[in-house]
Amino acid sequence: MAWTFLARPARAPDPLVTLRLQTRLGDLASELRHVEEDPDLFARAHHWRAVQSAYDALLHEACRLAGVPTDAAPLRLDEQASADERLREELELSSRGWSW
């Protein structure tokens, strides 16, 4: 007797979860622009790092949801590698129809 295992098809992500992620990514991108453009912001570098880290973590979550391969950890120590990986993830998501 041969055993057959039926694989369930992968479920598409919930569109409302996807929309919420896209909206939050847009909010964080806007906040990053605000921090970069406001010279009078107290502790500007701290705010920028905090918002950038939140953006990277959310971008990592969006990639996971969309099936985009990513690094194991969303937080990266090398800034140039972070920027390169961030751009790659943004382009991959954009190519899959994501916008924010």
Protein backbone atom coordinates (compact mmCIF):
# COMPACT_ATOMS: atom_id res chain seq x y z
CA MET A 1 0.00 0.00 0.00
CA ALA A 2 1.50 3.31 -1.07
CA TRP A 3 1.02 6.36 1.11
CA THR A 4 0.28 9.60 -0.58
CA PHE A 5 0.51 12.89 1.20
CA LEU A 6 -1.53 15.67 -0.18
CA ALA A 7 0.21 18.98 0.17
CA ARG A 8 -2.06 21.84 0.91
CA PRO A 9 -1.58 24.77 -1.42
CA ALA A 10 0.08 27.74 0.22
CA ARG A 11 -2.51 30.21 1.36
CA ALA A 12 -2.27 33.71 -0.02
CA PRO A 13 -1.55 36.32 2.63
CA ASP A 14 -4.53 38.13 4.09
CA PRO A 15 -5.01 41.29 1.96
CA LEU A 16 -5.80 43.37 5.04
CA VAL A 17 -2.55 42.32 6.72
CA THR A 18 -0.70 43.17 3.51
CA LEU A 19 -2.39 46.56 3.30
CA ARG A 20 -1.60 47.31 6.94
CA LEU A 21 2.07 46.43 6.36
CA GLN A 22 2.22 48.63 3.26
CA THR A 23 0.60 51.51 5.13
CA ARG A 24 2.99 51.18 8.05
CA LEU A 25 6.00 51.00 5.70
CA GLY A 26 4.78 54.23 4.08
CA ASP A 27 4.40 55.88 7.49
CA LEU A 28 7.91 54.88 8.52
CA ALA A 29 9.39 56.02 5.19
CA SER A 30 7.68 59.38 5.70
CA GLU A 31 9.01 59.59 9.26
CA LEU A 32 12.55 58.87 7.99
CA ARG A 33 12.26 61.73 5.50
CA HIS A 34 11.00 64.02 8.28
CA VAL A 35 13.94 63.12 10.55
CA GLU A 36 16.44 63.65 7.72
CA GLU A 37 14.97 67.04 6.75
CA ASP A 38 14.45 68.56 10.23
CA PRO A 39 17.76 70.10 11.36
CA ASP A 40 16.25 71.22 14.69
CA LEU A 41 15.14 67.76 15.81
CA PHE A 42 16.60 66.91 19.21
CA ALA A 43 18.65 63.67 19.22
CA ARG A 44 18.27 63.41 15.46
CA ALA A 45 20.74 60.53 14.98
CA HIS A 46 19.00 58.52 17.69
CA HIS A 47 15.59 59.09 16.08
CA TRP A 48 16.94 58.19 12.66
CA ARG A 49 18.45 54.91 13.90
CA ALA A 50 15.27 54.00 15.76
CA VAL A 51 13.01 54.67 12.77
CA GLN A 52 15.44 52.96 10.37
CA SER A 53 15.53 49.87 12.58
CA ALA A 54 11.73 49.77 12.74
CA TYR A 55 11.55 50.19 8.95
CA ASP A 56 14.07 47.37 8.40
CA ALA A 57 12.19 45.03 10.73
CA LEU A 58 8.89 45.77 9.02
CA LEU A 59 10.49 45.39 5.59
CA HIS A 60 11.80 42.00 6.71
CA GLU A 61 8.28 41.01 7.82
CA ALA A 62 6.84 42.17 4.48
CA CYS A 63 9.42 40.06 2.63
CA ARG A 64 8.54 37.02 4.73
CA LEU A 65 4.85 37.54 3.97
CA ALA A 66 5.49 37.97 0.23
CA GLY A 67 7.87 35.02 0.01
CA VAL A 68 10.97 37.11 -0.74
CA PRO A 69 14.17 35.47 0.53
CA THR A 70 15.96 37.62 3.11
CA ASP A 71 18.83 37.54 5.56
CA ALA A 72 18.13 35.60 8.74
CA ALA A 73 18.05 38.74 10.88
CA PRO A 74 16.49 42.08 9.95
CA LEU A 75 19.01 44.05 12.03
CA ARG A 76 22.40 44.45 10.38
CA LEU A 77 25.56 46.01 11.79
CA ASP A 78 27.30 46.94 8.53
CA GLU A 79 25.56 50.09 7.27
CA GLN A 80 26.52 49.65 3.59
CA ALA A 81 25.41 46.01 3.61
CA SER A 82 22.20 47.14 5.31
CA ALA A 83 21.53 49.74 2.63
CA ASP A 84 22.26 47.24 -0.16
CA GLU A 85 20.01 44.58 1.38
CA ARG A 86 17.27 47.14 2.08
CA LEU A 87 17.31 48.27 -1.56
CA ARG A 88 17.21 44.66 -2.78
CA GLU A 89 14.25 43.87 -0.52
CA GLU A 90 12.40 47.04 -1.60
CA LEU A 91 12.96 46.21 -5.28
CA GLU A 92 11.84 42.59 -4.79
CA LEU A 93 8.65 43.73 -3.06
CA SER A 94 8.01 46.36 -5.74
CA SER A 95 8.43 43.75 -8.46
CA ARG A 96 5.74 41.70 -6.72
CA GLY A 97 3.27 44.59 -6.76
CA TRP A 98 3.89 46.09 -3.33
CA SER A 99 3.85 49.85 -2.96
CA TRP A 100 4.07 52.20 -0.01
